Amino acid sequence: MELMMDSMWAYQYEDALRVGKAVEDLGFYWYEDPLVEQDIYNYKKLHQKLDIPIMSTEFAPGRLYGMTQWITEYATDILRGDVAITGGITPLIRLCNLAEGFNMKCEIHHGGNSLNNVANLHVTMAVPNCEFFEYFPCTGSLMYGLVEDIKFDNQGMVHAPTEPGLGYQIDWDLIKKEKIGVLE
């Protein structure tokens, strides 16, 4: 089992370095978002001091164009994105392609709701440089218009859907019930 550390912007540089060395010594797989994503200066310093792969850019400013600076400045080892933050399936694929062009991974963040998770799943399966599928189970309103959520087999694996489109049935009854109005 691989362990990853997601600090979600918890540290200033000195603390991020100390925690990074600790998780590196413990054999963690990557160190995610130790600093706020506007702090590319300290990410560069951190990258120089640690051997553990650093993953960031989940919410970095500039979308695709901003990511080039993270790569060329050696501020991250792994790019991060999802359909909601990058602006859809096509921009997320472009981000993965950008990372691939620099022989980097681009790990896709969970979608926050079932529909985004399904879209992220399609991108994960379409690109060669995403190793994991991050998934948080969705219930209630986070099911977001799907009849059922993504299913995993008993080995923890998820498989490509076989239905058309995104491959999951839309809950039209829920959409009709929650509809506020129709633009014409």
N, C-alpha and C. Protein backbone atom coordinates (compact mmCIF):
# COMPACT_ATOMS: atom_id res chain seq x y z
N MET A 1 0.84 -1.17 0.00
CA MET A 1 0.00 0.00 0.00
C MET A 1 0.89 1.24 0.00
N GLU A 2 0.55 2.18 -0.85
CA GLU A 2 1.27 3.45 -0.92
C GLU A 2 0.58 4.48 -0.04
N LEU A 3 1.37 5.26 0.68
CA LEU A 3 0.84 6.37 1.47
C LEU A 3 1.30 7.68 0.84
N MET A 4 0.37 8.62 0.73
CA MET A 4 0.67 9.94 0.22
C MET A 4 0.29 10.96 1.27
N MET A 5 0.97 12.09 1.28
CA MET A 5 0.70 13.16 2.25
C MET A 5 0.09 14.34 1.52
N ASP A 6 -1.13 14.72 1.91
CA ASP A 6 -1.79 15.92 1.37
C ASP A 6 -1.95 16.91 2.51
N SER A 7 -1.12 17.93 2.52
CA SER A 7 -1.12 18.91 3.60
C SER A 7 -2.12 20.04 3.39
N MET A 8 -2.60 20.19 2.18
CA MET A 8 -3.56 21.23 1.80
C MET A 8 -3.19 22.60 2.37
N TRP A 9 -1.99 23.08 1.97
CA TRP A 9 -1.52 24.43 2.25
C TRP A 9 -1.33 24.71 3.74
N ALA A 10 -0.94 23.71 4.50
CA ALA A 10 -0.90 23.83 5.96
C ALA A 10 0.33 24.55 6.50
N TYR A 11 1.40 24.66 5.73
CA TYR A 11 2.68 25.05 6.32
C TYR A 11 3.29 26.30 5.70
N GLN A 12 4.15 26.93 6.49
CA GLN A 12 5.13 27.89 5.99
C GLN A 12 6.35 27.06 5.56
N TYR A 13 7.30 27.69 4.89
CA TYR A 13 8.43 26.94 4.32
C TYR A 13 9.16 26.05 5.33
N GLU A 14 9.54 26.60 6.48
CA GLU A 14 10.34 25.83 7.44
C GLU A 14 9.61 24.58 7.91
N ASP A 15 8.33 24.73 8.22
CA ASP A 15 7.53 23.57 8.66
C ASP A 15 7.33 22.59 7.51
N ALA A 16 7.10 23.11 6.31
CA ALA A 16 6.93 22.24 5.15
C ALA A 16 8.18 21.41 4.90
N LEU A 17 9.33 22.01 5.08
CA LEU A 17 10.59 21.28 4.91
C LEU A 17 10.75 20.20 5.97
N ARG A 18 10.46 20.53 7.22
CA ARG A 18 10.57 19.56 8.31
C ARG A 18 9.61 18.38 8.10
N VAL A 19 8.36 18.67 7.78
CA VAL A 19 7.39 17.60 7.54
C VAL A 19 7.77 16.81 6.30
N GLY A 20 8.23 17.50 5.27
CA GLY A 20 8.64 16.83 4.04
C GLY A 20 9.76 15.83 4.28
N LYS A 21 10.75 16.21 5.09
CA LYS A 21 11.84 15.28 5.41
C LYS A 21 11.31 14.08 6.19
N ALA A 22 10.35 14.31 7.08
CA ALA A 22 9.79 13.21 7.87
C ALA A 22 9.04 12.22 6.99
N VAL A 23 8.17 12.71 6.10
CA VAL A 23 7.41 11.79 5.25
C VAL A 23 8.32 11.14 4.21
N GLU A 24 9.36 11.83 3.82
CA GLU A 24 10.36 11.25 2.93
C GLU A 24 11.05 10.07 3.63
N ASP A 25 11.47 10.26 4.89
CA ASP A 25 12.12 9.20 5.66
C ASP A 25 11.18 8.01 5.89
N LEU A 26 9.88 8.28 5.96
CA LEU A 26 8.89 7.22 6.17
C LEU A 26 8.52 6.50 4.87
N GLY A 27 9.06 6.96 3.75
CA GLY A 27 8.81 6.29 2.48
C GLY A 27 7.50 6.64 1.81
N PHE A 28 6.93 7.79 2.13
CA PHE A 28 5.69 8.20 1.48
C PHE A 28 5.92 8.35 -0.03
N TYR A 29 4.86 8.19 -0.80
CA TYR A 29 4.93 8.18 -2.25
C TYR A 29 5.06 9.59 -2.83
N TRP A 30 4.31 10.56 -2.26
CA TRP A 30 4.43 11.95 -2.66
C TRP A 30 4.01 12.85 -1.53
N TYR A 31 4.30 14.13 -1.70
CA TYR A 31 4.02 15.18 -0.71
C TYR A 31 3.23 16.25 -1.45
N GLU A 32 1.94 16.35 -1.10
CA GLU A 32 1.03 17.21 -1.86
C GLU A 32 0.72 18.50 -1.13
N ASP A 33 0.79 19.59 -1.86
CA ASP A 33 0.31 20.91 -1.43
C ASP A 33 0.76 21.34 -0.03
N PRO A 34 2.05 21.26 0.29
CA PRO A 34 2.46 21.70 1.62
C PRO A 34 2.36 23.21 1.83
N LEU A 35 2.50 23.98 0.75
CA LEU A 35 2.47 25.45 0.82
C LEU A 35 1.29 25.97 0.00
N VAL A 36 0.90 27.21 0.25
CA VAL A 36 -0.14 27.80 -0.60
C VAL A 36 0.38 27.85 -2.03
N GLU A 37 -0.51 27.72 -2.99
CA GLU A 37 -0.07 27.58 -4.37
C GLU A 37 0.38 28.89 -5.03
N GLN A 38 0.26 29.99 -4.34
CA GLN A 38 0.80 31.24 -4.87
C GLN A 38 2.29 31.38 -4.52
N ASP A 39 2.82 30.48 -3.72
CA ASP A 39 4.18 30.59 -3.19
C ASP A 39 5.18 29.76 -4.00
N ILE A 40 5.26 30.03 -5.29
CA ILE A 40 6.15 29.26 -6.16
C ILE A 40 7.61 29.40 -5.73
N TYR A 41 7.97 30.54 -5.16
CA TYR A 41 9.34 30.78 -4.69
C TYR A 41 9.76 29.72 -3.67
N ASN A 42 8.92 29.50 -2.65
CA ASN A 42 9.26 28.51 -1.62
C ASN A 42 9.06 27.07 -2.10
N TYR A 43 8.15 26.85 -3.06
CA TYR A 43 8.05 25.52 -3.65
C TYR A 43 9.36 25.15 -4.35
N LYS A 44 9.97 26.11 -5.04
CA LYS A 44 11.26 25.86 -5.70
C LYS A 44 12.32 25.48 -4.67
N LYS A 45 12.38 26.21 -3.56
CA LYS A 45 13.34 25.89 -2.50
C LYS A 45 13.08 24.50 -1.93
N LEU A 46 11.81 24.20 -1.68
CA LEU A 46 11.43 22.90 -1.13
C LEU A 46 11.83 21.78 -2.09
N HIS A 47 11.57 21.99 -3.35
CA HIS A 47 11.90 21.00 -4.38
C HIS A 47 13.40 20.71 -4.41
N GLN A 48 14.22 21.72 -4.15
CA GLN A 48 15.67 21.55 -4.14
C GLN A 48 16.15 20.77 -2.91
N LYS A 49 15.42 20.84 -1.81
CA LYS A 49 15.85 20.23 -0.55
C LYS A 49 15.32 18.82 -0.31
N LEU A 50 14.27 18.43 -1.03
CA LEU A 50 13.63 17.14 -0.78
C LEU A 50 13.78 16.20 -1.96
N ASP A 51 13.83 14.90 -1.67
CA ASP A 51 13.85 13.89 -2.73
C ASP A 51 12.45 13.33 -3.00
N ILE A 52 11.54 13.43 -2.04
CA ILE A 52 10.18 12.95 -2.24
C ILE A 52 9.52 13.80 -3.33
N PRO A 53 8.78 13.18 -4.24
CA PRO A 53 8.09 13.97 -5.26
C PRO A 53 7.08 14.93 -4.62
N ILE A 54 7.11 16.17 -5.09
CA ILE A 54 6.16 17.19 -4.64
C ILE A 54 5.07 17.30 -5.69
N MET A 55 3.83 17.28 -5.24
CA MET A 55 2.70 17.44 -6.14
C MET A 55 1.95 18.70 -5.75
N SER A 56 1.74 19.56 -6.73
CA SER A 56 0.99 20.79 -6.48
C SER A 56 0.30 21.21 -7.77
N THR A 57 -0.27 22.37 -7.77
CA THR A 57 -0.98 23.03 -8.88
C THR A 57 -2.47 22.69 -8.94
N GLU A 58 -3.00 22.06 -7.92
CA GLU A 58 -4.42 21.75 -7.90
C GLU A 58 -5.27 23.01 -8.12
N PHE A 59 -4.93 24.09 -7.44
CA PHE A 59 -5.65 25.35 -7.58
C PHE A 59 -4.72 26.49 -8.00
N ALA A 60 -3.61 26.17 -8.61
CA ALA A 60 -2.63 27.20 -8.97
C ALA A 60 -3.23 28.20 -9.96
N PRO A 61 -2.89 29.47 -9.81
CA PRO A 61 -3.42 30.49 -10.72
C PRO A 61 -2.94 30.27 -12.16
N GLY A 62 -3.76 30.67 -13.11
CA GLY A 62 -3.35 30.66 -14.50
C GLY A 62 -3.73 29.45 -15.30
N ARG A 63 -4.40 28.49 -14.67
CA ARG A 63 -4.79 27.26 -15.35
C ARG A 63 -3.65 26.68 -16.17
N LEU A 64 -3.89 26.29 -17.42
CA LEU A 64 -2.88 25.64 -18.23
C LEU A 64 -1.63 26.50 -18.39
N TYR A 65 -1.82 27.78 -18.66
CA TYR A 65 -0.68 28.66 -18.92
C TYR A 65 0.14 28.90 -17.66
N GLY A 66 -0.51 28.92 -16.52
CA GLY A 66 0.22 29.06 -15.27
C GLY A 66 1.05 27.84 -14.92
N MET A 67 0.64 26.67 -15.40
CA MET A 67 1.36 25.43 -15.09
C MET A 67 2.74 25.39 -15.73
N THR A 68 2.89 26.05 -16.86
CA THR A 68 4.20 26.03 -17.53
C THR A 68 5.28 26.62 -16.63
N GLN A 69 4.94 27.64 -15.87
CA GLN A 69 5.91 28.24 -14.95
C GLN A 69 6.31 27.24 -13.87
N TRP A 70 5.37 26.47 -13.35
CA TRP A 70 5.68 25.47 -12.33
C TRP A 70 6.66 24.44 -12.86
N ILE A 71 6.51 24.09 -14.13
CA ILE A 71 7.40 23.10 -14.73
C ILE A 71 8.78 23.70 -15.00
N THR A 72 8.81 24.84 -15.68
CA THR A 72 10.10 25.42 -16.08
C THR A 72 10.89 25.97 -14.91
N GLU A 73 10.22 26.28 -13.81
CA GLU A 73 10.90 26.76 -12.61
C GLU A 73 11.26 25.63 -11.64
N TYR A 74 10.96 24.39 -12.02
CA TYR A 74 11.25 23.21 -11.17
C TYR A 74 10.62 23.36 -9.78
N ALA A 75 9.35 23.76 -9.76
CA ALA A 75 8.66 23.97 -8.49
C ALA A 75 7.79 22.78 -8.09
N THR A 76 7.59 21.83 -8.99
CA THR A 76 6.78 20.65 -8.68
C THR A 76 7.28 19.47 -9.50
N ASP A 77 7.02 18.27 -9.01
CA ASP A 77 7.36 17.05 -9.75
C ASP A 77 6.15 16.48 -10.47
N ILE A 78 4.96 16.73 -9.92
CA ILE A 78 3.73 16.16 -10.45
C ILE A 78 2.70 17.28 -10.53
N LEU A 79 2.06 17.42 -11.70
CA LEU A 79 0.97 18.39 -11.83
C LEU A 79 -0.30 17.78 -11.27
N ARG A 80 -1.27 18.65 -10.97
CA ARG A 80 -2.53 18.21 -10.37
C ARG A 80 -3.66 19.02 -10.98
N GLY A 81 -4.78 18.38 -11.27
CA GLY A 81 -5.94 19.09 -11.80
C GLY A 81 -7.17 18.21 -11.75
N ASP A 82 -8.31 18.80 -12.10
CA ASP A 82 -9.56 18.05 -12.25
C ASP A 82 -10.47 18.83 -13.19
N VAL A 83 -11.55 18.21 -13.64
CA VAL A 83 -12.41 18.85 -14.63
C VAL A 83 -13.04 20.14 -14.12
N ALA A 84 -13.36 20.20 -12.85
CA ALA A 84 -14.02 21.39 -12.30
C ALA A 84 -13.08 22.59 -12.25
N ILE A 85 -11.85 22.37 -11.85
CA ILE A 85 -10.90 23.47 -11.67
C ILE A 85 -10.27 23.89 -12.99
N THR A 86 -9.94 22.93 -13.85
CA THR A 86 -9.26 23.28 -15.10
C THR A 86 -10.22 23.81 -16.16
N GLY A 87 -11.51 23.56 -16.00
CA GLY A 87 -12.48 24.10 -16.95
C GLY A 87 -13.13 23.07 -17.85
N GLY A 88 -13.00 21.79 -17.54
CA GLY A 88 -13.67 20.77 -18.32
C GLY A 88 -12.74 19.64 -18.73
N ILE A 89 -13.30 18.71 -19.49
CA ILE A 89 -12.54 17.53 -19.91
C ILE A 89 -11.39 17.92 -20.84
N THR A 90 -11.66 18.74 -21.85
CA THR A 90 -10.61 19.10 -22.80
C THR A 90 -9.46 19.85 -22.14
N PRO A 91 -9.71 20.88 -21.31
CA PRO A 91 -8.57 21.53 -20.64
C PRO A 91 -7.79 20.60 -19.72
N LEU A 92 -8.47 19.64 -19.08
CA LEU A 92 -7.77 18.69 -18.22
C LEU A 92 -6.87 17.77 -19.06
N ILE A 93 -7.36 17.34 -20.21
CA ILE A 93 -6.52 16.53 -21.10
C ILE A 93 -5.31 17.34 -21.56
N ARG A 94 -5.52 18.62 -21.85
CA ARG A 94 -4.39 19.47 -22.25
C ARG A 94 -3.35 19.57 -21.13
N LEU A 95 -3.83 19.69 -19.89
CA LEU A 95 -2.91 19.74 -18.75
C LEU A 95 -2.11 18.44 -18.66
N CYS A 96 -2.78 17.31 -18.81
CA CYS A 96 -2.08 16.01 -18.79
C CYS A 96 -1.08 15.92 -19.93
N ASN A 97 -1.45 16.42 -21.11
CA ASN A 97 -0.53 16.41 -22.25
C ASN A 97 0.68 17.30 -22.00
N LEU A 98 0.45 18.46 -21.38
CA LEU A 98 1.56 19.35 -21.03
C LEU A 98 2.54 18.62 -20.11
N ALA A 99 2.02 17.98 -19.08
CA ALA A 99 2.88 17.23 -18.16
C ALA A 99 3.61 16.11 -18.91
N GLU A 100 2.90 15.41 -19.76
CA GLU A 100 3.51 14.31 -20.51
C GLU A 100 4.66 14.81 -21.38
N GLY A 101 4.51 16.00 -21.96
CA GLY A 101 5.56 16.58 -22.78
C GLY A 101 6.85 16.83 -22.02
N PHE A 102 6.76 16.94 -20.71
CA PHE A 102 7.93 17.11 -19.85
C PHE A 102 8.25 15.83 -19.08
N ASN A 103 7.66 14.70 -19.52
CA ASN A 103 7.85 13.40 -18.89
C ASN A 103 7.47 13.43 -17.41
N MET A 104 6.36 14.11 -17.12
CA MET A 104 5.84 14.23 -15.76
C MET A 104 4.49 13.54 -15.66
N LYS A 105 4.14 13.19 -14.44
CA LYS A 105 2.78 12.70 -14.17
C LYS A 105 1.85 13.89 -13.97
N CYS A 106 0.59 13.64 -14.22
CA CYS A 106 -0.47 14.60 -13.89
C CYS A 106 -1.54 13.80 -13.18
N GLU A 107 -1.60 13.91 -11.88
CA GLU A 107 -2.58 13.16 -11.09
C GLU A 107 -3.86 13.98 -10.99
N ILE A 108 -4.97 13.30 -11.22
CA ILE A 108 -6.26 13.98 -11.28
C ILE A 108 -6.92 13.93 -9.92
N HIS A 109 -7.32 15.10 -9.46
CA HIS A 109 -7.97 15.30 -8.17
C HIS A 109 -9.40 14.79 -8.22
N HIS A 110 -9.97 14.44 -7.08
CA HIS A 110 -11.38 14.01 -7.06
C HIS A 110 -12.27 15.14 -7.56
N GLY A 111 -13.45 14.80 -8.03
CA GLY A 111 -14.32 15.78 -8.66
C GLY A 111 -15.21 16.56 -7.73
N GLY A 112 -15.40 16.10 -6.51
CA GLY A 112 -16.27 16.80 -5.57
C GLY A 112 -17.73 16.40 -5.67
N ASN A 113 -18.13 15.84 -6.81
CA ASN A 113 -19.49 15.31 -6.97
C ASN A 113 -19.43 14.18 -7.99
N SER A 114 -20.50 13.42 -8.09
CA SER A 114 -20.50 12.21 -8.91
C SER A 114 -20.27 12.49 -10.39
N LEU A 115 -20.90 13.53 -10.92
CA LEU A 115 -20.75 13.83 -12.34
C LEU A 115 -19.30 14.20 -12.67
N ASN A 116 -18.69 15.03 -11.85
CA ASN A 116 -17.28 15.38 -12.08
C ASN A 116 -16.37 14.16 -11.89
N ASN A 117 -16.69 13.30 -10.92
CA ASN A 117 -15.89 12.08 -10.74
C ASN A 117 -15.91 11.22 -12.00
N VAL A 118 -17.09 11.11 -12.63
CA VAL A 118 -17.21 10.32 -13.85
C VAL A 118 -16.39 10.95 -14.97
N ALA A 119 -16.45 12.27 -15.11
CA ALA A 119 -15.65 12.95 -16.13
C ALA A 119 -14.16 12.76 -15.86
N ASN A 120 -13.76 12.88 -14.60
CA ASN A 120 -12.35 12.65 -14.24
C ASN A 120 -11.92 11.22 -14.56
N LEU A 121 -12.82 10.27 -14.33
CA LEU A 121 -12.52 8.87 -14.62
C LEU A 121 -12.19 8.69 -16.10
N HIS A 122 -12.96 9.33 -16.96
CA HIS A 122 -12.70 9.22 -18.40
C HIS A 122 -11.32 9.78 -18.77
N VAL A 123 -10.97 10.91 -18.19
CA VAL A 123 -9.65 11.49 -18.48
C VAL A 123 -8.55 10.58 -17.94
N THR A 124 -8.73 10.08 -16.72
CA THR A 124 -7.74 9.18 -16.12
C THR A 124 -7.47 7.99 -17.03
N MET A 125 -8.52 7.45 -17.61
CA MET A 125 -8.36 6.28 -18.47
C MET A 125 -7.84 6.63 -19.86
N ALA A 126 -7.88 7.91 -20.22
CA ALA A 126 -7.48 8.32 -21.57
C ALA A 126 -6.03 8.77 -21.67
N VAL A 127 -5.40 9.08 -20.55
CA VAL A 127 -4.04 9.62 -20.60
C VAL A 127 -3.06 8.61 -20.00
N PRO A 128 -1.81 8.61 -20.48
CA PRO A 128 -0.85 7.63 -19.99
C PRO A 128 -0.10 8.02 -18.73
N ASN A 129 -0.25 9.26 -18.28
CA ASN A 129 0.61 9.74 -17.19
C ASN A 129 -0.15 10.04 -15.90
N CYS A 130 -1.29 9.40 -15.71
CA CYS A 130 -2.03 9.49 -14.45
C CYS A 130 -2.04 8.09 -13.85
N GLU A 131 -1.47 7.95 -12.69
CA GLU A 131 -1.27 6.64 -12.09
C GLU A 131 -2.44 6.19 -11.21
N PHE A 132 -3.12 7.14 -10.57
CA PHE A 132 -4.16 6.81 -9.61
C PHE A 132 -5.48 7.47 -9.99
N PHE A 133 -6.58 6.89 -9.51
CA PHE A 133 -7.89 7.52 -9.63
C PHE A 133 -8.34 7.90 -8.22
N GLU A 134 -8.33 9.19 -7.92
CA GLU A 134 -8.75 9.66 -6.60
C GLU A 134 -10.27 9.78 -6.58
N TYR A 135 -10.87 9.23 -5.54
CA TYR A 135 -12.33 9.16 -5.48
C TYR A 135 -12.80 9.33 -4.05
N PHE A 136 -13.73 10.25 -3.86
CA PHE A 136 -14.44 10.37 -2.59
C PHE A 136 -15.89 9.99 -2.85
N PRO A 137 -16.45 9.05 -2.10
CA PRO A 137 -17.84 8.65 -2.31
C PRO A 137 -18.79 9.84 -2.14
N CYS A 138 -19.77 9.90 -3.01
CA CYS A 138 -20.73 11.00 -2.98
C CYS A 138 -22.10 10.48 -2.56
N THR A 139 -22.77 11.24 -1.72
CA THR A 139 -24.12 10.91 -1.30
C THR A 139 -24.97 12.17 -1.37
N GLY A 140 -26.28 11.99 -1.27
CA GLY A 140 -27.19 13.12 -1.24
C GLY A 140 -27.04 14.02 -2.45
N SER A 141 -26.98 15.32 -2.19
CA SER A 141 -26.91 16.29 -3.29
C SER A 141 -25.61 16.17 -4.09
N LEU A 142 -24.58 15.58 -3.51
CA LEU A 142 -23.32 15.42 -4.24
C LEU A 142 -23.38 14.31 -5.29
N MET A 143 -24.48 13.52 -5.27
CA MET A 143 -24.68 12.56 -6.36
C MET A 143 -24.89 13.31 -7.67
N TYR A 144 -25.37 14.52 -7.60
CA TYR A 144 -25.39 15.48 -8.70
C TYR A 144 -26.01 14.95 -9.98
N GLY A 145 -27.18 14.35 -9.85
CA GLY A 145 -27.94 13.98 -11.04
C GLY A 145 -27.63 12.64 -11.66
N LEU A 146 -26.93 11.76 -10.97
CA LEU A 146 -26.68 10.43 -11.50
C LEU A 146 -27.52 9.41 -10.74
N VAL A 147 -27.97 8.38 -11.45
CA VAL A 147 -28.76 7.32 -10.82
C VAL A 147 -27.90 6.52 -9.86
N GLU A 148 -26.68 6.18 -10.28
CA GLU A 148 -25.77 5.46 -9.39
C GLU A 148 -24.36 6.01 -9.58
N ASP A 149 -23.55 5.80 -8.57
CA ASP A 149 -22.19 6.33 -8.57
C ASP A 149 -21.22 5.29 -9.16
N ILE A 150 -19.99 5.68 -9.29
CA ILE A 150 -18.93 4.80 -9.78
C ILE A 150 -18.82 3.58 -8.86
N LYS A 151 -18.67 2.43 -9.47
CA LYS A 151 -18.53 1.18 -8.72
C LYS A 151 -17.10 0.65 -8.84
N PHE A 152 -16.62 0.06 -7.75
CA PHE A 152 -15.30 -0.55 -7.72
C PHE A 152 -15.45 -2.05 -7.54
N ASP A 153 -14.53 -2.83 -8.11
CA ASP A 153 -14.60 -4.28 -7.91
C ASP A 153 -13.97 -4.64 -6.56
N ASN A 154 -13.95 -5.92 -6.23
CA ASN A 154 -13.47 -6.34 -4.91
C ASN A 154 -11.95 -6.19 -4.75
N GLN A 155 -11.26 -5.83 -5.82
CA GLN A 155 -9.82 -5.54 -5.76
C GLN A 155 -9.55 -4.03 -5.65
N GLY A 156 -10.63 -3.25 -5.58
CA GLY A 156 -10.48 -1.80 -5.51
C GLY A 156 -10.26 -1.14 -6.85
N MET A 157 -10.51 -1.87 -7.93
CA MET A 157 -10.30 -1.34 -9.27
C MET A 157 -11.61 -0.81 -9.83
N VAL A 158 -11.49 0.24 -10.63
CA VAL A 158 -12.65 0.79 -11.33
C VAL A 158 -12.45 0.49 -12.82
N HIS A 159 -13.54 0.21 -13.51
CA HIS A 159 -13.46 -0.17 -14.92
C HIS A 159 -14.20 0.85 -15.77
N ALA A 160 -13.81 0.94 -17.02
CA ALA A 160 -14.43 1.88 -17.94
C ALA A 160 -15.91 1.54 -18.11
N PRO A 161 -16.77 2.55 -18.11
CA PRO A 161 -18.19 2.29 -18.35
C PRO A 161 -18.41 1.83 -19.79
N THR A 162 -19.49 1.11 -20.01
CA THR A 162 -19.77 0.59 -21.34
C THR A 162 -20.94 1.29 -22.02
N GLU A 163 -21.62 2.16 -21.31
CA GLU A 163 -22.76 2.88 -21.88
C GLU A 163 -22.25 4.09 -22.69
N PRO A 164 -23.09 4.67 -23.55
CA PRO A 164 -22.67 5.83 -24.34
C PRO A 164 -22.42 7.08 -23.49
N GLY A 165 -21.77 8.05 -24.09
CA GLY A 165 -21.50 9.32 -23.40
C GLY A 165 -20.54 9.11 -22.25
N LEU A 166 -20.87 9.72 -21.11
CA LEU A 166 -20.03 9.51 -19.93
C LEU A 166 -20.20 8.12 -19.34
N GLY A 167 -21.24 7.40 -19.78
CA GLY A 167 -21.38 6.01 -19.38
C GLY A 167 -22.19 5.76 -18.13
N TYR A 168 -22.81 6.80 -17.61
CA TYR A 168 -23.62 6.67 -16.41
C TYR A 168 -24.97 7.31 -16.66
N GLN A 169 -26.01 6.71 -16.11
CA GLN A 169 -27.38 7.16 -16.35
C GLN A 169 -27.68 8.43 -15.54
N ILE A 170 -28.20 9.43 -16.24
CA ILE A 170 -28.61 10.69 -15.60
C ILE A 170 -29.93 10.46 -14.87
N ASP A 171 -30.07 11.02 -13.69
CA ASP A 171 -31.31 10.94 -12.91
C ASP A 171 -32.22 12.09 -13.33
N TRP A 172 -32.95 11.89 -14.43
CA TRP A 172 -33.81 12.95 -14.97
C TRP A 172 -34.95 13.29 -14.01
N ASP A 173 -35.42 12.34 -13.22
CA ASP A 173 -36.48 12.64 -12.25
C ASP A 173 -35.99 13.65 -11.22
N LEU A 174 -34.78 13.47 -10.74
CA LEU A 174 -34.21 14.42 -9.79
C LEU A 174 -34.03 15.79 -10.43
N ILE A 175 -33.55 15.81 -11.65
CA ILE A 175 -33.35 17.09 -12.34
C ILE A 175 -34.68 17.81 -12.52
N LYS A 176 -35.72 17.10 -12.93
CA LYS A 176 -37.04 17.73 -13.08
C LYS A 176 -37.56 18.25 -11.74
N LYS A 177 -37.35 17.48 -10.69
CA LYS A 177 -37.82 17.88 -9.36
C LYS A 177 -37.09 19.14 -8.87
N GLU A 178 -35.81 19.25 -9.14
CA GLU A 178 -35.00 20.36 -8.64
C GLU A 178 -34.95 21.56 -9.58
N LYS A 179 -35.55 21.43 -10.74
CA LYS A 179 -35.50 22.49 -11.76
C LYS A 179 -36.15 23.77 -11.23
N ILE A 180 -35.46 24.87 -11.44
CA ILE A 180 -35.97 26.18 -11.04
C ILE A 180 -36.68 26.85 -12.20
N GLY A 181 -36.14 26.72 -13.38
CA GLY A 181 -36.71 27.35 -14.56
C GLY A 181 -35.98 26.88 -15.80
N VAL A 182 -36.46 27.34 -16.95
CA VAL A 182 -35.87 26.99 -18.23
C VAL A 182 -35.58 28.27 -18.99
N LEU A 183 -34.36 28.42 -19.48
CA LEU A 183 -34.00 29.57 -20.30
C LEU A 183 -34.42 29.30 -21.73
N GLU A 184 -35.04 30.28 -22.34
CA GLU A 184 -35.44 30.12 -23.75
C GLU A 184 -34.82 31.20 -24.59
